[in-house]
Amino acid sequence: MRMKAAILFEQGRPRPYAETRPLVVEEVELEGPGPGEILIEVAAAGLCHSDLSAIEGIRPRPLPIVIGHEGAGIVREVGAGVTGLRPGDHVITVFVASCGECRYCVRGRPNICASGFAARSAGTLLSGARRIRRLDGTPVNHGSGLSLFAQYAVVHRRSAVKIDPSVPLEDAAIFGCAVMTGAGAVFNTAGLRPGENIAVVGLGGVGMNALFAAVAAGAERIVAVDTNPEKLGLARQWGATDTFLATDPDCARKVREATEGGLDTVIETAGSIPAMQLAAAITARGGSTISAGLPDAKATFSYLHAELVTDERSLRGSYMGSCVAERDIPRFLGLYKRGKLPVERLRSGFLGLEEINAGFDRLAEGSVLRQILRPNA
């Protein structure tokens, strides 16, 4: 079938993207689903900083490629051997397709599946196939096995989780990355319990979901840190007990003084080394610094090793919120339905495929939380 897709041909083009147009919208051919695959109509896809990183060239990708890894849609066709899904079902996409057989999957950690990561690096689906071609026959790579900046997508069955059709797909889309990564870091990686304290450094879509989760978990004190005063204002409205401006040279000292030595859990979601340094600086003795942000692939972070030992601190990574998608997405949707994860507040407007480059300008400026692409609107 033919459809429109936004293709990234070159990484690292300068801003403004509305002028340099790193994402080129053109008509392409999409093959039907192979064995174990499904065809979905993309109803909504979030514009995420991980996509921006691909555009900037911070995280290398095989080119040309259709990116877009956070979304929701409607199943239109299923391939041979697919069970549990049929045409008409609503699904949320998962940006790590897990094989179910590797050492990580069998230990309950499908978010770091070896086969899934290998396929993502190669720009293929889990099967090794590429289903997108330009009209001249040139194959196009798949971003995260999904390629959601398009009208339709062929994805592996294990890249989709069936959901209640009563959930608006514009809200469901955010669960594919922002909710799983942010809320999962709080519930799964940190294992936050009622009455504990926590800080969130970086208040984008992921960070705000971490904030929502901290409130839902019953944290006693929730510290929010960001470079944007407007986002700090929103954080106060949405449950933060304390807010601090990250651009303040004395930010770390002020947080430590206000919290009697720092926080037991600090989650960094900005994906920058300065943010990670600040997160470590405000972590209390015996506490955990958890990074859920993705910086430049070659960026390094240093710490005082002796202090790590004497203070019994821990440094942890949290990828996809340490989630098991089939288990956690229904749980998080349950919290959403009860108003505990109000992700609808994060929407910063809708856009079509032709507006996608301007949307990434706004994301790079830090003036938005989650813009939602509706490629078929």
Protein backbone atom coordinates (compact mmCIF):
# COMPACT_ATOMS: atom_id res chain seq x y z
CA MET A 1 0.00 0.00 0.00
CA ARG A 2 1.04 3.61 -0.47
CA MET A 3 1.13 6.08 2.40
CA LYS A 4 2.81 9.28 3.53
CA ALA A 5 5.77 9.16 5.90
CA ALA A 6 8.30 11.61 7.32
CA ILE A 7 11.77 10.33 6.39
CA LEU A 8 15.03 11.36 8.04
CA PHE A 9 17.77 11.33 5.38
CA GLU A 10 20.50 13.25 7.22
CA GLN A 11 21.28 13.74 10.90
CA GLY A 12 22.66 16.93 12.37
CA ARG A 13 20.99 19.58 10.22
CA PRO A 14 20.90 22.97 11.97
CA ARG A 15 17.83 24.66 13.34
CA PRO A 16 15.36 26.06 12.60
CA TYR A 17 14.05 22.75 11.34
CA ALA A 18 11.06 24.46 9.75
CA GLU A 19 13.59 25.82 7.23
CA THR A 20 16.23 23.07 6.99
CA ARG A 21 13.57 20.32 6.98
CA PRO A 22 15.46 17.27 8.24
CA LEU A 23 12.22 15.27 8.03
CA VAL A 24 10.97 14.99 4.46
CA VAL A 25 7.35 13.99 3.95
CA GLU A 26 6.89 11.82 0.90
CA GLU A 27 4.79 8.98 -0.42
CA VAL A 28 6.26 5.52 0.18
CA GLU A 29 5.33 1.87 -0.29
CA LEU A 30 4.50 -0.17 2.80
CA GLU A 31 4.48 -3.95 2.51
CA GLY A 32 1.85 -5.93 4.36
CA PRO A 33 2.62 -7.68 7.63
CA GLY A 34 4.74 -10.82 7.56
CA PRO A 35 4.49 -13.73 10.01
CA GLY A 36 4.16 -12.47 13.58
CA GLU A 37 3.56 -8.90 12.44
CA ILE A 38 0.60 -6.52 12.36
CA LEU A 39 -0.42 -3.51 10.32
CA ILE A 40 -1.68 -0.56 12.35
CA GLU A 41 -3.21 2.73 11.33
CA VAL A 42 -1.29 5.34 13.32
CA ALA A 43 -3.83 7.46 15.17
CA ALA A 44 -1.43 9.47 17.32
CA ALA A 45 2.32 9.70 17.92
CA GLY A 46 4.16 11.82 20.45
CA LEU A 47 7.15 13.99 19.58
CA CYS A 48 9.80 12.89 22.07
CA HIS A 49 13.33 14.05 22.92
CA SER A 50 14.66 10.67 21.77
CA ASP A 51 13.35 11.51 18.29
CA LEU A 52 14.94 14.95 18.58
CA SER A 53 18.24 13.26 19.50
CA ALA A 54 18.05 11.26 16.27
CA ILE A 55 17.45 14.45 14.26
CA GLU A 56 20.34 16.21 16.01
CA GLY A 57 22.67 13.28 15.40
CA ILE A 58 23.30 12.78 19.12
CA ARG A 59 22.24 9.16 18.77
CA PRO A 60 23.29 7.65 15.43
CA ARG A 61 20.66 5.89 13.34
CA PRO A 62 20.84 3.92 10.06
CA LEU A 63 19.64 6.17 7.24
CA PRO A 64 17.25 6.77 5.60
CA ILE A 65 14.82 6.07 8.43
CA VAL A 66 11.28 6.77 9.56
CA ILE A 67 11.50 7.59 13.25
CA GLY A 68 8.71 7.93 15.82
CA HIS A 69 8.56 5.50 18.73
CA GLU A 70 5.71 6.63 20.98
CA GLY A 71 2.18 6.12 19.77
CA ALA A 72 -1.14 4.37 19.52
CA GLY A 73 -3.29 3.14 16.70
CA ILE A 74 -5.83 0.68 15.34
CA VAL A 75 -4.99 -2.77 14.03
CA ARG A 76 -5.98 -3.09 10.38
CA GLU A 77 -4.39 -6.43 9.40
CA VAL A 78 -2.59 -9.29 11.14
CA GLY A 79 0.07 -11.59 9.73
CA ALA A 80 0.31 -15.35 9.97
CA GLY A 81 0.65 -16.74 13.46
CA VAL A 82 -0.49 -13.60 15.27
CA THR A 83 -2.64 -14.31 18.32
CA GLY A 84 -4.45 -12.05 20.74
CA LEU A 85 -5.06 -9.26 18.23
CA ARG A 86 -7.49 -8.79 15.37
CA PRO A 87 -8.47 -5.95 13.02
CA GLY A 88 -10.20 -3.13 14.87
CA ASP A 89 -8.32 -3.58 18.14
CA HIS A 90 -6.75 -0.50 19.69
CA VAL A 91 -3.09 -0.79 20.68
CA ILE A 92 -0.26 1.12 22.31
CA THR A 93 3.13 0.58 20.69
CA VAL A 94 6.27 -0.51 22.57
CA PHE A 95 9.67 0.72 21.37
CA VAL A 96 11.54 -2.45 22.39
CA ALA A 97 10.18 -5.57 20.72
CA SER A 98 11.15 -8.43 23.01
CA CYS A 99 11.90 -11.91 21.71
CA GLY A 100 10.69 -13.69 24.86
CA GLU A 101 13.60 -16.13 24.73
CA CYS A 102 16.89 -14.36 25.52
CA ARG A 103 18.48 -14.28 28.98
CA TYR A 104 16.90 -10.89 29.72
CA CYS A 105 13.38 -11.77 28.61
CA VAL A 106 13.29 -15.00 30.60
CA ARG A 107 14.40 -13.09 33.70
CA GLY A 108 11.49 -10.67 33.36
CA ARG A 109 13.48 -7.82 31.81
CA PRO A 110 12.14 -7.59 28.23
CA ASN A 111 12.90 -3.86 28.15
CA ILE A 112 16.58 -4.73 27.58
CA CYS A 113 15.98 -7.67 25.22
CA ALA A 114 19.14 -8.46 23.25
CA SER A 115 17.27 -9.27 20.03
CA GLY A 116 15.17 -6.13 20.30
CA PHE A 117 18.25 -3.93 20.66
CA ALA A 118 19.99 -5.63 17.76
CA ALA A 119 17.00 -5.04 15.49
CA ARG A 120 16.77 -1.39 16.55
CA SER A 121 20.46 -0.84 15.79
CA ALA A 122 20.05 -2.43 12.36
CA GLY A 123 16.90 -0.43 11.57
CA THR A 124 14.76 -3.53 11.05
CA LEU A 125 11.79 -5.23 12.60
CA LEU A 126 12.42 -8.08 15.06
CA SER A 127 12.35 -10.52 12.12
CA GLY A 128 15.14 -8.62 10.36
CA ALA A 129 12.76 -7.38 7.66
CA ARG A 130 12.25 -3.89 6.30
CA ARG A 131 8.71 -3.18 5.15
CA ILE A 132 9.06 0.43 3.93
CA ARG A 133 10.39 1.40 0.49
CA ARG A 134 10.64 4.66 -1.40
CA LEU A 135 8.87 4.74 -4.74
CA ASP A 136 12.21 4.13 -6.49
CA GLY A 137 12.58 0.87 -4.55
CA THR A 138 15.15 2.10 -2.02
CA PRO A 139 14.57 0.41 1.38
CA VAL A 140 13.88 2.65 4.36
CA ASN A 141 14.89 1.74 7.90
CA HIS A 142 12.50 1.34 10.82
CA GLY A 143 12.95 3.56 13.88
CA SER A 144 12.72 1.44 17.06
CA GLY A 145 10.87 -1.21 15.08
CA LEU A 146 7.89 1.15 14.82
CA SER A 147 8.31 4.12 12.41
CA LEU A 148 5.27 5.99 13.69
CA PHE A 149 5.82 9.28 11.88
CA ALA A 150 3.72 7.82 9.08
CA GLN A 151 0.09 7.10 8.32
CA TYR A 152 0.51 3.34 8.84
CA ALA A 153 3.11 1.06 10.37
CA VAL A 154 3.95 -2.63 10.20
CA VAL A 155 5.30 -3.74 13.58
CA HIS A 156 6.04 -7.00 15.35
CA ARG A 157 3.24 -8.44 17.46
CA ARG A 158 5.40 -7.99 20.56
CA SER A 159 5.64 -4.26 19.79
CA ALA A 160 1.96 -3.72 20.58
CA VAL A 161 -0.24 -3.99 23.67
CA LYS A 162 -4.01 -4.19 23.30
CA ILE A 163 -5.96 -1.55 25.24
CA ASP A 164 -9.52 -0.62 26.13
CA PRO A 165 -11.01 1.22 23.12
CA SER A 166 -12.64 3.74 25.46
CA VAL A 167 -9.22 5.32 26.12
CA PRO A 168 -8.70 8.28 23.74
CA LEU A 169 -5.88 7.35 21.39
CA GLU A 170 -4.35 10.84 21.75
CA ASP A 171 -3.83 10.09 25.44
CA ALA A 172 -2.92 6.44 24.91
CA ALA A 173 -0.04 7.47 22.63
CA ILE A 174 1.87 9.05 25.51
CA PHE A 175 1.95 5.74 27.42
CA GLY A 176 4.24 4.24 24.77
CA CYS A 177 7.28 6.14 26.05
CA ALA A 178 6.70 9.11 28.37
CA VAL A 179 4.48 7.26 30.84
CA MET A 180 6.36 3.97 30.82
CA THR A 181 9.72 5.72 31.16
CA GLY A 182 8.73 8.32 33.77
CA ALA A 183 6.18 6.46 35.85
CA GLY A 184 8.08 3.20 35.47
CA ALA A 185 11.25 4.79 36.86
CA VAL A 186 9.31 5.70 40.00
CA PHE A 187 7.23 2.55 40.47
CA ASN A 188 9.62 -0.09 39.12
CA THR A 189 13.21 1.13 39.20
CA ALA A 190 12.96 3.19 42.38
CA GLY A 191 10.19 1.15 44.00
CA LEU A 192 8.98 4.33 45.70
CA ARG A 193 6.79 3.75 48.75
CA PRO A 194 4.31 6.00 50.59
CA GLY A 195 5.96 8.54 52.86
CA GLU A 196 9.33 8.52 51.07
CA ASN A 197 10.93 11.54 49.40
CA ILE A 198 12.02 12.02 45.81
CA ALA A 199 13.38 14.61 43.39
CA VAL A 200 12.82 14.78 39.64
CA VAL A 201 15.45 16.64 37.62
CA GLY A 202 14.08 17.60 34.21
CA LEU A 203 10.39 18.31 33.63
CA GLY A 204 9.69 17.27 30.08
CA GLY A 205 7.07 14.66 29.23
CA VAL A 206 9.03 11.91 31.01
CA GLY A 207 9.81 14.03 34.05
CA MET A 208 6.23 15.17 34.49
CA ASN A 209 5.06 11.55 34.39
CA ALA A 210 7.62 10.76 37.08
CA LEU A 211 6.09 13.62 39.08
CA PHE A 212 2.57 12.25 38.59
CA ALA A 213 3.76 8.80 39.67
CA ALA A 214 5.46 10.19 42.78
CA VAL A 215 2.19 11.85 43.78
CA ALA A 216 0.24 8.65 43.06
CA ALA A 217 2.75 6.62 45.11
CA GLY A 218 2.15 8.83 48.15
CA ALA A 219 5.58 10.45 48.40
CA GLU A 220 5.84 12.79 51.37
CA ARG A 221 8.15 15.28 49.70
CA ILE A 222 8.50 15.80 45.97
CA VAL A 223 11.20 18.15 44.71
CA ALA A 224 11.03 19.29 41.08
CA VAL A 225 14.05 20.83 39.31
CA ASP A 226 14.17 22.36 35.83
CA THR A 227 15.67 25.23 33.85
CA ASN A 228 12.23 26.53 32.83
CA PRO A 229 10.31 28.58 35.45
CA GLU A 230 6.99 27.90 33.69
CA LYS A 231 7.47 24.15 34.04
CA LEU A 232 8.27 24.63 37.71
CA GLY A 233 4.96 26.46 38.07
CA LEU A 234 3.13 23.54 36.48
CA ALA A 235 4.98 21.12 38.75
CA ARG A 236 3.74 23.01 41.82
CA GLN A 237 0.18 22.82 40.49
CA TRP A 238 0.53 19.09 39.88
CA GLY A 239 1.91 18.02 43.24
CA ALA A 240 5.52 19.10 43.74
CA THR A 241 6.13 20.24 47.32
CA ASP A 242 9.33 22.16 46.43
CA THR A 243 10.69 23.56 43.17
CA PHE A 244 14.16 24.79 42.29
CA LEU A 245 15.58 26.50 39.21
CA ALA A 246 18.43 24.44 37.78
CA THR A 247 20.15 27.49 36.29
CA ASP A 248 20.74 28.89 39.78
CA PRO A 249 24.48 28.33 40.53
CA ASP A 250 23.53 27.53 44.14
CA CYS A 251 20.74 25.11 43.19
CA ALA A 252 22.38 21.98 44.62
CA ARG A 253 23.27 23.68 47.91
CA LYS A 254 19.77 25.09 48.29
CA VAL A 255 18.16 21.70 47.67
CA ARG A 256 20.44 19.99 50.20
CA GLU A 257 19.75 22.66 52.80
CA ALA A 258 16.00 22.53 52.26
CA THR A 259 15.94 18.74 52.50
CA GLU A 260 18.42 18.22 55.36
CA GLY A 261 21.11 16.70 53.21
CA GLY A 262 19.34 15.73 50.00
CA LEU A 263 16.75 13.26 48.75
CA ASP A 264 16.70 9.49 49.15
CA THR A 265 15.69 9.02 45.51
CA VAL A 266 16.59 11.37 42.65
CA ILE A 267 15.47 10.66 39.09
CA GLU A 268 17.18 12.45 36.22
CA THR A 269 15.12 12.65 33.04
CA ALA A 270 16.75 15.49 31.09
CA GLY A 271 19.35 13.37 29.29
CA SER A 272 22.23 15.79 29.91
CA ILE A 273 25.43 15.49 31.91
CA PRO A 274 24.85 18.75 33.86
CA ALA A 275 21.44 17.41 34.90
CA MET A 276 23.00 14.12 35.99
CA GLN A 277 25.68 15.96 37.96
CA LEU A 278 23.00 17.98 39.71
CA ALA A 279 20.95 14.86 40.41
CA ALA A 280 23.95 13.17 42.03
CA ALA A 281 24.74 16.30 44.04
CA ILE A 282 21.29 16.39 45.64
CA THR A 283 21.13 12.67 46.47
CA ALA A 284 21.37 12.00 50.20
CA ARG A 285 23.73 9.55 51.87
CA GLY A 286 22.36 6.06 51.36
CA GLY A 287 20.24 7.29 48.47
CA SER A 288 19.84 6.34 44.81
CA THR A 289 20.46 8.45 41.72
CA ILE A 290 18.48 7.02 38.80
CA SER A 291 18.97 8.19 35.23
CA ALA A 292 16.12 7.75 32.77
CA GLY A 293 17.40 10.35 30.30
CA LEU A 294 19.47 9.57 27.21
CA PRO A 295 22.41 11.94 26.55
CA ASP A 296 24.87 11.88 23.67
CA ALA A 297 25.93 8.27 23.13
CA LYS A 298 29.57 9.21 23.86
CA ALA A 299 28.91 11.40 26.91
CA THR A 300 30.55 10.37 30.18
CA PHE A 301 29.67 11.05 33.81
CA SER A 302 32.18 10.99 36.67
CA TYR A 303 31.73 10.66 40.42
CA LEU A 304 33.84 10.42 43.55
CA HIS A 305 34.28 6.71 43.97
CA ALA A 306 35.20 6.85 47.64
CA GLU A 307 32.04 8.84 48.36
CA LEU A 308 29.99 6.24 46.52
CA VAL A 309 31.31 3.71 49.02
CA THR A 310 31.34 5.72 52.25
CA ASP A 311 27.89 7.20 51.61
CA GLU A 312 26.47 3.89 50.36
CA ARG A 313 24.98 5.61 47.36
CA SER A 314 23.84 3.85 44.21
CA LEU A 315 23.78 4.93 40.58
CA ARG A 316 21.21 3.19 38.40
CA GLY A 317 19.92 3.32 34.88
CA SER A 318 16.24 2.99 34.04
CA TYR A 319 15.40 2.07 30.45
CA MET A 320 11.74 2.17 29.47
CA GLY A 321 11.01 2.52 33.19
CA SER A 322 12.16 -1.07 33.82
CA CYS A 323 8.73 -1.98 32.46
CA VAL A 324 7.19 -5.21 31.31
CA ALA A 325 4.84 -3.56 28.85
CA GLU A 326 2.10 -6.21 28.92
CA ARG A 327 2.02 -5.95 32.73
CA ASP A 328 2.58 -2.24 33.30
CA ILE A 329 0.61 -0.52 30.56
CA PRO A 330 -2.72 -1.88 31.89
CA ARG A 331 -1.68 -0.83 35.42
CA PHE A 332 -0.79 2.67 34.32
CA LEU A 333 -3.98 2.98 32.28
CA GLY A 334 -5.90 2.03 35.43
CA LEU A 335 -4.25 4.92 37.28
CA TYR A 336 -5.05 7.21 34.34
CA LYS A 337 -8.72 6.26 34.41
CA ARG A 338 -8.85 7.12 38.13
CA GLY A 339 -7.19 10.48 37.52
CA LYS A 340 -3.89 9.48 39.15
CA LEU A 341 -1.85 9.80 35.95
CA PRO A 342 -3.46 12.83 34.26
CA VAL A 343 -1.44 12.62 31.06
CA GLU A 344 -3.96 14.73 29.16
CA ARG A 345 -2.48 17.75 30.95
CA LEU A 346 0.78 17.24 29.06
CA ARG A 347 -0.66 17.74 25.59
CA SER A 348 0.84 20.80 23.92
CA GLY A 349 -1.26 20.69 20.78
CA PHE A 350 -1.82 18.56 17.70
CA LEU A 351 -0.04 18.69 14.36
CA GLY A 352 -0.05 16.99 10.98
CA LEU A 353 2.84 15.48 9.03
CA GLU A 354 3.58 18.71 7.15
CA GLU A 355 4.07 20.54 10.47
CA ILE A 356 6.43 18.02 12.02
CA ASN A 357 9.67 19.98 11.52
CA ALA A 358 8.23 23.06 13.20
CA GLY A 359 7.07 20.80 16.01
CA PHE A 360 10.64 19.70 16.66
CA ASP A 361 11.72 23.36 16.74
CA ARG A 362 9.29 23.90 19.59
CA LEU A 363 10.51 20.77 21.37
CA ALA A 364 14.15 21.88 21.05
CA GLU A 365 13.24 25.27 22.49
CA GLY A 366 11.77 23.58 25.57
CA SER A 367 8.48 25.44 25.20
CA VAL A 368 6.28 22.32 25.03
CA LEU A 369 5.68 19.06 26.89
CA ARG A 370 4.06 16.60 24.45
CA GLN A 371 2.94 17.52 20.97
CA ILE A 372 0.79 14.86 19.33
CA LEU A 373 1.15 14.03 15.65
CA ARG A 374 -2.05 12.89 13.93
CA PRO A 375 -0.74 11.67 10.55
CA ASN A 376 -4.18 10.73 9.22
CA ALA A 377 -6.10 13.78 10.42
